[in-house]
Full PDB file with SEQRES, HELIX, SHEET, SSBOND, CRYST1, ORIGX, SCALE, CONECT and MASTER records, all heavy atoms in Angstrom:
SEQRES   1 A   40  PRO ILE ALA LEU PHE GLY LEU THR LEU LEU LEU GLY LEU          
SEQRES   2 A   40  ILE GLY GLY GLU LEU ALA ARG ARG SER ARG VAL LEU PRO          
SEQRES   3 A   40  SER ILE SER GLY TYR ILE ALA VAL GLY PHE LEU VAL GLY          
SEQRES   4 A   40  PRO                                                          
HELIX    1 AA1 ILE A    2  ARG A   21  1                                  20    
HELIX    2 AA2 SER A   27  VAL A   38  1                                  12    
CRYST1    1.000    1.000    1.000  90.00  90.00  90.00 P 1           1          
ORIGX1      1.000000  0.000000  0.000000        0.00000                         
ORIGX2      0.000000  1.000000  0.000000        0.00000                         
ORIGX3      0.000000  0.000000  1.000000        0.00000                         
SCALE1      1.000000  0.000000  0.000000        0.00000                         
SCALE2      0.000000  1.000000  0.000000        0.00000                         
SCALE3      0.000000  0.000000  1.000000        0.00000                         
ATOM      1  N   PRO A   1      -2.191 -14.306  11.720  1.00  0.00           N  
ATOM      2  CA  PRO A   1      -1.096 -13.800  10.878  1.00  0.00           C  
ATOM      3  C   PRO A   1      -1.371 -13.941   9.385  1.00  0.00           C  
ATOM      4  O   PRO A   1      -1.016 -13.061   8.600  1.00  0.00           O  
ATOM      5  CB  PRO A   1       0.098 -14.658  11.312  1.00  0.00           C  
ATOM      6  CG  PRO A   1      -0.238 -15.134  12.678  1.00  0.00           C  
ATOM      7  CD  PRO A   1      -1.727 -15.289  12.698  1.00  0.00           C  
ATOM      8  N   ILE A   2      -2.036 -15.053   8.983  1.00  0.00           N  
ATOM      9  CA  ILE A   2      -2.293 -15.263   7.558  1.00  0.00           C  
ATOM     10  C   ILE A   2      -3.286 -14.227   7.038  1.00  0.00           C  
ATOM     11  O   ILE A   2      -3.104 -13.638   5.963  1.00  0.00           O  
ATOM     12  CB  ILE A   2      -2.821 -16.696   7.316  1.00  0.00           C  
ATOM     13  CG1 ILE A   2      -1.757 -17.721   7.732  1.00  0.00           C  
ATOM     14  CG2 ILE A   2      -3.193 -16.889   5.845  1.00  0.00           C  
ATOM     15  CD1 ILE A   2      -2.220 -19.150   7.653  1.00  0.00           C  
ATOM     16  N   ALA A   3      -4.364 -13.992   7.816  1.00  0.00           N  
ATOM     17  CA  ALA A   3      -5.359 -12.989   7.403  1.00  0.00           C  
ATOM     18  C   ALA A   3      -4.736 -11.595   7.352  1.00  0.00           C  
ATOM     19  O   ALA A   3      -4.981 -10.824   6.409  1.00  0.00           O  
ATOM     20  CB  ALA A   3      -6.546 -13.005   8.361  1.00  0.00           C  
ATOM     21  N   LEU A   4      -3.917 -11.259   8.361  1.00  0.00           N  
ATOM     22  CA  LEU A   4      -3.257  -9.947   8.376  1.00  0.00           C  
ATOM     23  C   LEU A   4      -2.301  -9.802   7.201  1.00  0.00           C  
ATOM     24  O   LEU A   4      -2.187  -8.734   6.603  1.00  0.00           O  
ATOM     25  CB  LEU A   4      -2.501  -9.756   9.696  1.00  0.00           C  
ATOM     26  CG  LEU A   4      -3.336  -9.337  10.907  1.00  0.00           C  
ATOM     27  CD1 LEU A   4      -2.467  -9.326  12.163  1.00  0.00           C  
ATOM     28  CD2 LEU A   4      -3.961  -7.978  10.691  1.00  0.00           C  
ATOM     29  N   PHE A   5      -1.617 -10.898   6.876  1.00  0.00           N  
ATOM     30  CA  PHE A   5      -0.663 -10.866   5.760  1.00  0.00           C  
ATOM     31  C   PHE A   5      -1.401 -10.596   4.449  1.00  0.00           C  
ATOM     32  O   PHE A   5      -0.991  -9.750   3.648  1.00  0.00           O  
ATOM     33  CB  PHE A   5       0.075 -12.202   5.702  1.00  0.00           C  
ATOM     34  CG  PHE A   5       1.267 -12.191   4.803  1.00  0.00           C  
ATOM     35  CD1 PHE A   5       2.447 -11.591   5.206  1.00  0.00           C  
ATOM     36  CD2 PHE A   5       1.218 -12.779   3.546  1.00  0.00           C  
ATOM     37  CE1 PHE A   5       3.559 -11.576   4.377  1.00  0.00           C  
ATOM     38  CE2 PHE A   5       2.319 -12.769   2.722  1.00  0.00           C  
ATOM     39  CZ  PHE A   5       3.495 -12.172   3.143  1.00  0.00           C  
ATOM     40  N   GLY A   6      -2.523 -11.313   4.243  1.00  0.00           N  
ATOM     41  CA  GLY A   6      -3.309 -11.093   3.033  1.00  0.00           C  
ATOM     42  C   GLY A   6      -3.905  -9.700   2.978  1.00  0.00           C  
ATOM     43  O   GLY A   6      -3.905  -9.046   1.922  1.00  0.00           O  
ATOM     44  N   LEU A   7      -4.398  -9.214   4.122  1.00  0.00           N  
ATOM     45  CA  LEU A   7      -4.971  -7.863   4.176  1.00  0.00           C  
ATOM     46  C   LEU A   7      -3.912  -6.809   3.877  1.00  0.00           C  
ATOM     47  O   LEU A   7      -4.175  -5.835   3.146  1.00  0.00           O  
ATOM     48  CB  LEU A   7      -5.583  -7.618   5.560  1.00  0.00           C  
ATOM     49  CG  LEU A   7      -6.208  -6.231   5.789  1.00  0.00           C  
ATOM     50  CD1 LEU A   7      -7.358  -5.994   4.824  1.00  0.00           C  
ATOM     51  CD2 LEU A   7      -6.666  -6.080   7.231  1.00  0.00           C  
ATOM     52  N   THR A   8      -2.723  -7.000   4.412  1.00  0.00           N  
ATOM     53  CA  THR A   8      -1.622  -6.064   4.160  1.00  0.00           C  
ATOM     54  C   THR A   8      -1.289  -6.010   2.679  1.00  0.00           C  
ATOM     55  O   THR A   8      -1.058  -4.937   2.110  1.00  0.00           O  
ATOM     56  CB  THR A   8      -0.385  -6.469   4.977  1.00  0.00           C  
ATOM     57  OG1 THR A   8      -0.718  -6.496   6.360  1.00  0.00           O  
ATOM     58  CG2 THR A   8       0.754  -5.493   4.758  1.00  0.00           C  
ATOM     59  N   LEU A   9      -1.269  -7.172   2.030  1.00  0.00           N  
ATOM     60  CA  LEU A   9      -0.983  -7.228   0.592  1.00  0.00           C  
ATOM     61  C   LEU A   9      -2.062  -6.513  -0.210  1.00  0.00           C  
ATOM     62  O   LEU A   9      -1.770  -5.737  -1.128  1.00  0.00           O  
ATOM     63  CB  LEU A   9      -0.866  -8.685   0.150  1.00  0.00           C  
ATOM     64  CG  LEU A   9      -0.596  -8.938  -1.332  1.00  0.00           C  
ATOM     65  CD1 LEU A   9       0.707  -8.283  -1.757  1.00  0.00           C  
ATOM     66  CD2 LEU A   9      -0.563 -10.427  -1.623  1.00  0.00           C  
ATOM     67  N   LEU A  10      -3.333  -6.736   0.145  1.00  0.00           N  
ATOM     68  CA  LEU A  10      -4.439  -6.086  -0.560  1.00  0.00           C  
ATOM     69  C   LEU A  10      -4.415  -4.569  -0.376  1.00  0.00           C  
ATOM     70  O   LEU A  10      -4.618  -3.803  -1.334  1.00  0.00           O  
ATOM     71  CB  LEU A  10      -5.774  -6.653  -0.073  1.00  0.00           C  
ATOM     72  CG  LEU A  10      -6.055  -8.123  -0.418  1.00  0.00           C  
ATOM     73  CD1 LEU A  10      -7.312  -8.609   0.281  1.00  0.00           C  
ATOM     74  CD2 LEU A  10      -6.166  -8.309  -1.927  1.00  0.00           C  
ATOM     75  N   LEU A  11      -4.155  -4.130   0.858  1.00  0.00           N  
ATOM     76  CA  LEU A  11      -4.078  -2.692   1.111  1.00  0.00           C  
ATOM     77  C   LEU A  11      -2.909  -2.069   0.356  1.00  0.00           C  
ATOM     78  O   LEU A  11      -3.003  -0.947  -0.161  1.00  0.00           O  
ATOM     79  CB  LEU A  11      -3.940  -2.433   2.615  1.00  0.00           C  
ATOM     80  CG  LEU A  11      -5.175  -2.744   3.476  1.00  0.00           C  
ATOM     81  CD1 LEU A  11      -4.833  -2.589   4.959  1.00  0.00           C  
ATOM     82  CD2 LEU A  11      -6.327  -1.834   3.097  1.00  0.00           C  
ATOM     83  N   GLY A  12      -1.791  -2.804   0.287  1.00  0.00           N  
ATOM     84  CA  GLY A  12      -0.636  -2.317  -0.463  1.00  0.00           C  
ATOM     85  C   GLY A  12      -0.965  -2.133  -1.931  1.00  0.00           C  
ATOM     86  O   GLY A  12      -0.582  -1.133  -2.556  1.00  0.00           O  
ATOM     87  N   LEU A  13      -1.695  -3.096  -2.496  1.00  0.00           N  
ATOM     88  CA  LEU A  13      -2.093  -3.007  -3.900  1.00  0.00           C  
ATOM     89  C   LEU A  13      -2.957  -1.774  -4.140  1.00  0.00           C  
ATOM     90  O   LEU A  13      -2.770  -1.034  -5.117  1.00  0.00           O  
ATOM     91  CB  LEU A  13      -2.860  -4.275  -4.289  1.00  0.00           C  
ATOM     92  CG  LEU A  13      -3.258  -4.421  -5.752  1.00  0.00           C  
ATOM     93  CD1 LEU A  13      -2.030  -4.494  -6.641  1.00  0.00           C  
ATOM     94  CD2 LEU A  13      -4.120  -5.659  -5.943  1.00  0.00           C  
ATOM     95  N   ILE A  14      -3.908  -1.524  -3.242  1.00  0.00           N  
ATOM     96  CA  ILE A  14      -4.776  -0.347  -3.360  1.00  0.00           C  
ATOM     97  C   ILE A  14      -3.963   0.940  -3.226  1.00  0.00           C  
ATOM     98  O   ILE A  14      -4.126   1.885  -4.011  1.00  0.00           O  
ATOM     99  CB  ILE A  14      -5.892  -0.395  -2.294  1.00  0.00           C  
ATOM    100  CG1 ILE A  14      -6.835  -1.572  -2.562  1.00  0.00           C  
ATOM    101  CG2 ILE A  14      -6.681   0.917  -2.282  1.00  0.00           C  
ATOM    102  CD1 ILE A  14      -7.802  -1.851  -1.432  1.00  0.00           C  
ATOM    103  N   GLY A  15      -3.057   0.979  -2.235  1.00  0.00           N  
ATOM    104  CA  GLY A  15      -2.224   2.163  -2.030  1.00  0.00           C  
ATOM    105  C   GLY A  15      -1.358   2.468  -3.234  1.00  0.00           C  
ATOM    106  O   GLY A  15      -1.203   3.633  -3.640  1.00  0.00           O  
ATOM    107  N   GLY A  16      -0.790   1.428  -3.842  1.00  0.00           N  
ATOM    108  CA  GLY A  16       0.046   1.626  -5.025  1.00  0.00           C  
ATOM    109  C   GLY A  16      -0.745   2.172  -6.194  1.00  0.00           C  
ATOM    110  O   GLY A  16      -0.274   3.053  -6.923  1.00  0.00           O  
ATOM    111  N   GLU A  17      -1.967   1.675  -6.383  1.00  0.00           N  
ATOM    112  CA  GLU A  17      -2.793   2.150  -7.488  1.00  0.00           C  
ATOM    113  C   GLU A  17      -3.224   3.602  -7.267  1.00  0.00           C  
ATOM    114  O   GLU A  17      -3.244   4.411  -8.210  1.00  0.00           O  
ATOM    115  CB  GLU A  17      -4.022   1.249  -7.639  1.00  0.00           C  
ATOM    116  CG  GLU A  17      -4.932   1.610  -8.800  1.00  0.00           C  
ATOM    117  CD  GLU A  17      -4.252   1.523 -10.155  1.00  0.00           C  
ATOM    118  OE1 GLU A  17      -3.207   0.830 -10.268  1.00  0.00           O  
ATOM    119  OE2 GLU A  17      -4.756   2.160 -11.105  1.00  0.00           O  
ATOM    120  N   LEU A  18      -3.563   3.962  -6.028  1.00  0.00           N  
ATOM    121  CA  LEU A  18      -3.934   5.346  -5.732  1.00  0.00           C  
ATOM    122  C   LEU A  18      -2.758   6.288  -5.981  1.00  0.00           C  
ATOM    123  O   LEU A  18      -2.928   7.390  -6.516  1.00  0.00           O  
ATOM    124  CB  LEU A  18      -4.418   5.469  -4.288  1.00  0.00           C  
ATOM    125  CG  LEU A  18      -5.771   4.804  -3.969  1.00  0.00           C  
ATOM    126  CD1 LEU A  18      -6.055   4.900  -2.475  1.00  0.00           C  
ATOM    127  CD2 LEU A  18      -6.896   5.453  -4.773  1.00  0.00           C  
ATOM    128  N   ALA A  19      -1.560   5.859  -5.587  1.00  0.00           N  
ATOM    129  CA  ALA A  19      -0.374   6.689  -5.822  1.00  0.00           C  
ATOM    130  C   ALA A  19      -0.128   6.863  -7.316  1.00  0.00           C  
ATOM    131  O   ALA A  19       0.181   7.965  -7.786  1.00  0.00           O  
ATOM    132  CB  ALA A  19       0.838   6.051  -5.150  1.00  0.00           C  
ATOM    133  N   ARG A  20      -0.273   5.777  -8.079  1.00  0.00           N  
ATOM    134  CA  ARG A  20      -0.040   5.855  -9.520  1.00  0.00           C  
ATOM    135  C   ARG A  20      -1.023   6.799 -10.194  1.00  0.00           C  
ATOM    136  O   ARG A  20      -0.665   7.573 -11.089  1.00  0.00           O  
ATOM    137  CB  ARG A  20      -0.151   4.454 -10.138  1.00  0.00           C  
ATOM    138  CG  ARG A  20       0.253   4.375 -11.602  1.00  0.00           C  
ATOM    139  CD  ARG A  20      -0.048   3.024 -12.185  1.00  0.00           C  
ATOM    140  NE  ARG A  20      -1.483   2.787 -12.287  1.00  0.00           N  
ATOM    141  CZ  ARG A  20      -2.251   3.258 -13.275  1.00  0.00           C  
ATOM    142  NH1 ARG A  20      -1.714   3.999 -14.240  1.00  0.00           N  
ATOM    143  NH2 ARG A  20      -3.544   2.995 -13.309  1.00  0.00           N  
ATOM    144  N   ARG A  21      -2.286   6.775  -9.747  1.00  0.00           N  
ATOM    145  CA  ARG A  21      -3.305   7.619 -10.362  1.00  0.00           C  
ATOM    146  C   ARG A  21      -3.133   9.094 -10.020  1.00  0.00           C  
ATOM    147  O   ARG A  21      -3.731   9.951 -10.674  1.00  0.00           O  
ATOM    148  CB  ARG A  21      -4.698   7.146  -9.931  1.00  0.00           C  
ATOM    149  CG  ARG A  21      -5.091   5.798 -10.507  1.00  0.00           C  
ATOM    150  CD  ARG A  21      -6.530   5.440 -10.201  1.00  0.00           C  
ATOM    151  NE  ARG A  21      -6.882   4.139 -10.738  1.00  0.00           N  
ATOM    152  CZ  ARG A  21      -8.107   3.632 -10.725  1.00  0.00           C  
ATOM    153  NH1 ARG A  21      -9.104   4.334 -10.203  1.00  0.00           N  
ATOM    154  NH2 ARG A  21      -8.336   2.436 -11.228  1.00  0.00           N  
ATOM    155  N   SER A  22      -2.330   9.372  -9.008  1.00  0.00           N  
ATOM    156  CA  SER A  22      -2.067  10.775  -8.674  1.00  0.00           C  
ATOM    157  C   SER A  22      -1.245  11.467  -9.754  1.00  0.00           C  
ATOM    158  O   SER A  22      -1.193  12.683  -9.824  1.00  0.00           O  
ATOM    159  CB  SER A  22      -1.331  10.874  -7.332  1.00  0.00           C  
ATOM    160  OG  SER A  22       0.016  10.432  -7.464  1.00  0.00           O  
ATOM    161  N   ARG A  23      -0.554  10.668 -10.599  1.00  0.00           N  
ATOM    162  CA  ARG A  23       0.323  11.160 -11.666  1.00  0.00           C  
ATOM    163  C   ARG A  23       1.508  11.970 -11.135  1.00  0.00           C  
ATOM    164  O   ARG A  23       2.204  12.637 -11.900  1.00  0.00           O  
ATOM    165  CB  ARG A  23      -0.463  11.982 -12.707  1.00  0.00           C  
ATOM    166  CG  ARG A  23      -1.513  11.171 -13.434  1.00  0.00           C  
ATOM    167  CD  ARG A  23      -2.108  11.920 -14.608  1.00  0.00           C  
ATOM    168  NE  ARG A  23      -3.031  11.068 -15.341  1.00  0.00           N  
ATOM    169  CZ  ARG A  23      -2.669  10.228 -16.306  1.00  0.00           C  
ATOM    170  NH1 ARG A  23      -1.389  10.128 -16.631  1.00  0.00           N  
ATOM    171  NH2 ARG A  23      -3.561   9.486 -16.927  1.00  0.00           N  
ATOM    172  N   VAL A  24       1.716  11.945  -9.848  1.00  0.00           N  
ATOM    173  CA  VAL A  24       2.877  12.601  -9.228  1.00  0.00           C  
ATOM    174  C   VAL A  24       3.731  11.562  -8.519  1.00  0.00           C  
ATOM    175  O   VAL A  24       4.952  11.553  -8.645  1.00  0.00           O  
ATOM    176  CB  VAL A  24       2.423  13.684  -8.223  1.00  0.00           C  
ATOM    177  CG1 VAL A  24       3.630  14.294  -7.522  1.00  0.00           C  
ATOM    178  CG2 VAL A  24       1.615  14.760  -8.928  1.00  0.00           C  
ATOM    179  N   LEU A  25       3.078  10.672  -7.800  1.00  0.00           N  
ATOM    180  CA  LEU A  25       3.781   9.655  -7.019  1.00  0.00           C  
ATOM    181  C   LEU A  25       3.859   8.347  -7.795  1.00  0.00           C  
ATOM    182  O   LEU A  25       2.894   7.939  -8.450  1.00  0.00           O  
ATOM    183  CB  LEU A  25       3.051   9.402  -5.696  1.00  0.00           C  
ATOM    184  CG  LEU A  25       2.919  10.592  -4.739  1.00  0.00           C  
ATOM    185  CD1 LEU A  25       2.024  10.207  -3.569  1.00  0.00           C  
ATOM    186  CD2 LEU A  25       4.277  11.045  -4.248  1.00  0.00           C  
ATOM    187  N   PRO A  26       4.996   7.646  -7.715  1.00  0.00           N  
ATOM    188  CA  PRO A  26       5.053   6.291  -8.272  1.00  0.00           C  
ATOM    189  C   PRO A  26       4.308   5.318  -7.362  1.00  0.00           C  
ATOM    190  O   PRO A  26       4.056   5.611  -6.190  1.00  0.00           O  
ATOM    191  CB  PRO A  26       6.559   5.991  -8.290  1.00  0.00           C  
ATOM    192  CG  PRO A  26       7.148   6.860  -7.240  1.00  0.00           C  
ATOM    193  CD  PRO A  26       6.284   8.094  -7.171  1.00  0.00           C  
ATOM    194  N   SER A  27       3.945   4.164  -7.886  1.00  0.00           N  
ATOM    195  CA  SER A  27       3.185   3.185  -7.104  1.00  0.00           C  
ATOM    196  C   SER A  27       3.937   2.734  -5.865  1.00  0.00           C  
ATOM    197  O   SER A  27       3.325   2.412  -4.844  1.00  0.00           O  
ATOM    198  CB  SER A  27       2.837   1.979  -7.980  1.00  0.00           C  
ATOM    199  OG  SER A  27       4.002   1.410  -8.552  1.00  0.00           O  
ATOM    200  N   ILE A  28       5.277   2.735  -5.940  1.00  0.00           N  
ATOM    201  CA  ILE A  28       6.093   2.334  -4.786  1.00  0.00           C  
ATOM    202  C   ILE A  28       5.755   3.171  -3.561  1.00  0.00           C  
ATOM    203  O   ILE A  28       5.687   2.656  -2.436  1.00  0.00           O  
ATOM    204  CB  ILE A  28       7.594   2.488  -5.118  1.00  0.00           C  
ATOM    205  CG1 ILE A  28       7.992   1.510  -6.213  1.00  0.00           C  
ATOM    206  CG2 ILE A  28       8.461   2.263  -3.888  1.00  0.00           C  
ATOM    207  CD1 ILE A  28       9.370   1.748  -6.752  1.00  0.00           C  
ATOM    208  N   SER A  29       5.539   4.459  -3.764  1.00  0.00           N  
ATOM    209  CA  SER A  29       5.226   5.342  -2.637  1.00  0.00           C  
ATOM    210  C   SER A  29       3.956   4.895  -1.924  1.00  0.00           C  
ATOM    211  O   SER A  29       3.857   4.972  -0.696  1.00  0.00           O  
ATOM    212  CB  SER A  29       5.071   6.789  -3.124  1.00  0.00           C  
ATOM    213  OG  SER A  29       6.261   7.256  -3.727  1.00  0.00           O  
ATOM    214  N   GLY A  30       2.973   4.406  -2.693  1.00  0.00           N  
ATOM    215  CA  GLY A  30       1.738   3.921  -2.090  1.00  0.00           C  
ATOM    216  C   GLY A  30       1.956   2.659  -1.280  1.00  0.00           C  
ATOM    217  O   GLY A  30       1.397   2.502  -0.186  1.00  0.00           O  
ATOM    218  N   TYR A  31       2.796   1.738  -1.795  1.00  0.00           N  
ATOM    219  CA  TYR A  31       3.086   0.504  -1.050  1.00  0.00           C  
ATOM    220  C   TYR A  31       3.734   0.830   0.291  1.00  0.00           C  
ATOM    221  O   TYR A  31       3.367   0.281   1.335  1.00  0.00           O  
ATOM    222  CB  TYR A  31       4.021  -0.410  -1.843  1.00  0.00           C  
ATOM    223  CG  TYR A  31       3.552  -0.778  -3.232  1.00  0.00           C  
ATOM    224  CD1 TYR A  31       4.463  -0.959  -4.264  1.00  0.00           C  
ATOM    225  CD2 TYR A  31       2.203  -0.953  -3.508  1.00  0.00           C  
ATOM    226  CE1 TYR A  31       4.053  -1.309  -5.537  1.00  0.00           C  
ATOM    227  CE2 TYR A  31       1.784  -1.289  -4.790  1.00  0.00           C  
ATOM    228  CZ  TYR A  31       2.715  -1.466  -5.794  1.00  0.00           C  
ATOM    229  OH  TYR A  31       2.299  -1.797  -7.061  1.00  0.00           O  
ATOM    230  N   ILE A  32       4.729   1.718   0.245  1.00  0.00           N  
ATOM    231  CA  ILE A  32       5.465   2.063   1.463  1.00  0.00           C  
ATOM    232  C   ILE A  32       4.561   2.791   2.455  1.00  0.00           C  
ATOM    233  O   ILE A  32       4.609   2.533   3.665  1.00  0.00           O  
ATOM    234  CB  ILE A  32       6.694   2.922   1.114  1.00  0.00           C  
ATOM    235  CG1 ILE A  32       7.694   2.095   0.299  1.00  0.00           C  
ATOM    236  CG2 ILE A  32       7.371   3.462   2.373  1.00  0.00           C  
ATOM    237  CD1 ILE A  32       8.813   2.899  -0.315  1.00  0.00           C  
ATOM    238  N   ALA A  33       3.706   3.691   1.936  1.00  0.00           N  
ATOM    239  CA  ALA A  33       2.798   4.440   2.811  1.00  0.00           C  
ATOM    240  C   ALA A  33       1.845   3.504   3.541  1.00  0.00           C  
ATOM    241  O   ALA A  33       1.601   3.655   4.747  1.00  0.00           O  
ATOM    242  CB  ALA A  33       2.015   5.468   1.995  1.00  0.00           C  
ATOM    243  N   VAL A  34       1.309   2.501   2.829  1.00  0.00           N  
ATOM    244  CA  VAL A  34       0.406   1.535   3.463  1.00  0.00           C  
ATOM    245  C   VAL A  34       1.149   0.745   4.536  1.00  0.00           C  
ATOM    246  O   VAL A  34       0.636   0.528   5.642  1.00  0.00           O  
ATOM    247  CB  VAL A  34      -0.200   0.588   2.404  1.00  0.00           C  
ATOM    248  CG1 VAL A  34      -0.850  -0.626   3.068  1.00  0.00           C  
ATOM    249  CG2 VAL A  34      -1.226   1.335   1.566  1.00  0.00           C  
ATOM    250  N   GLY A  35       2.374   0.315   4.217  1.00  0.00           N  
ATOM    251  CA  GLY A  35       3.162  -0.411   5.204  1.00  0.00           C  
ATOM    252  C   GLY A  35       3.392   0.408   6.458  1.00  0.00           C  
ATOM    253  O   GLY A  35       3.286  -0.092   7.586  1.00  0.00           O  
ATOM    254  N   PHE A  36       3.715   1.689   6.261  1.00  0.00           N  
ATOM    255  CA  PHE A  36       3.937   2.560   7.420  1.00  0.00           C  
ATOM    256  C   PHE A  36       2.663   2.713   8.247  1.00  0.00           C  
ATOM    257  O   PHE A  36       2.693   2.681   9.479  1.00  0.00           O  
ATOM    258  CB  PHE A  36       4.429   3.927   6.953  1.00  0.00           C  
ATOM    259  CG  PHE A  36       4.620   4.918   8.081  1.00  0.00           C  
ATOM    260  CD1 PHE A  36       5.719   4.816   8.928  1.00  0.00           C  
ATOM    261  CD2 PHE A  36       3.696   5.924   8.305  1.00  0.00           C  
ATOM    262  CE1 PHE A  36       5.892   5.706   9.969  1.00  0.00           C  
ATOM    263  CE2 PHE A  36       3.858   6.816   9.349  1.00  0.00           C  
ATOM    264  CZ  PHE A  36       4.964   6.716  10.188  1.00  0.00           C  
ATOM    265  N   LEU A  37       1.518   2.856   7.579  1.00  0.00           N  
ATOM    266  CA  LEU A  37       0.256   3.070   8.290  1.00  0.00           C  
ATOM    267  C   LEU A  37      -0.169   1.854   9.106  1.00  0.00           C  
ATOM    268  O   LEU A  37      -0.725   1.991  10.196  1.00  0.00           O  
ATOM    269  CB  LEU A  37      -0.853   3.441   7.296  1.00  0.00           C  
ATOM    270  CG  LEU A  37      -0.740   4.835   6.659  1.00  0.00           C  
ATOM    271  CD1 LEU A  37      -1.804   5.022   5.596  1.00  0.00           C  
ATOM    272  CD2 LEU A  37      -0.846   5.929   7.727  1.00  0.00           C  
ATOM    273  N   VAL A  38       0.084   0.645   8.584  1.00  0.00           N  
ATOM    274  CA  VAL A  38      -0.315  -0.550   9.341  1.00  0.00           C  
ATOM    275  C   VAL A  38       0.761  -0.973  10.342  1.00  0.00           C  
ATOM    276  O   VAL A  38       0.525  -1.856  11.168  1.00  0.00           O  
ATOM    277  CB  VAL A  38      -0.642  -1.736   8.401  1.00  0.00           C  
ATOM    278  CG1 VAL A  38      -1.749  -1.378   7.448  1.00  0.00           C  
ATOM    279  CG2 VAL A  38       0.601  -2.213   7.657  1.00  0.00           C  
ATOM    280  N   GLY A  39       1.942  -0.337  10.266  1.00  0.00           N  
ATOM    281  CA  GLY A  39       3.051  -0.708  11.129  1.00  0.00           C  
ATOM    282  C   GLY A  39       3.041   0.006  12.465  1.00  0.00           C  
ATOM    283  O   GLY A  39       2.138   0.798  12.764  1.00  0.00           O  
ATOM    284  N   PRO A  40       4.081  -0.255  13.278  1.00  0.00           N  
ATOM    285  CA  PRO A  40       4.143   0.345  14.619  1.00  0.00           C  
ATOM    286  C   PRO A  40       4.294   1.858  14.610  1.00  0.00           C  
ATOM    287  O   PRO A  40       4.042   2.511  15.622  1.00  0.00           O  
ATOM    288  CB  PRO A  40       5.376  -0.331  15.247  1.00  0.00           C  
ATOM    289  CG  PRO A  40       6.171  -0.844  14.093  1.00  0.00           C  
ATOM    290  CD  PRO A  40       5.193  -1.183  13.021  1.00  0.00           C  
TER     291      PRO A  40                                                      
MASTER        0    0    0    2    0    0    0    6  290    1    0    4          
END                                                                             
């Protein structure tokens, strides 16, 4: 669980930065998208 928790946080950070660089999506959209992808 600890490794998965850290990995989820790192992936969220990457997703948020990719969304921000799109200049269309806010970083929040990237965080949520990563959560959805790693979720059920």
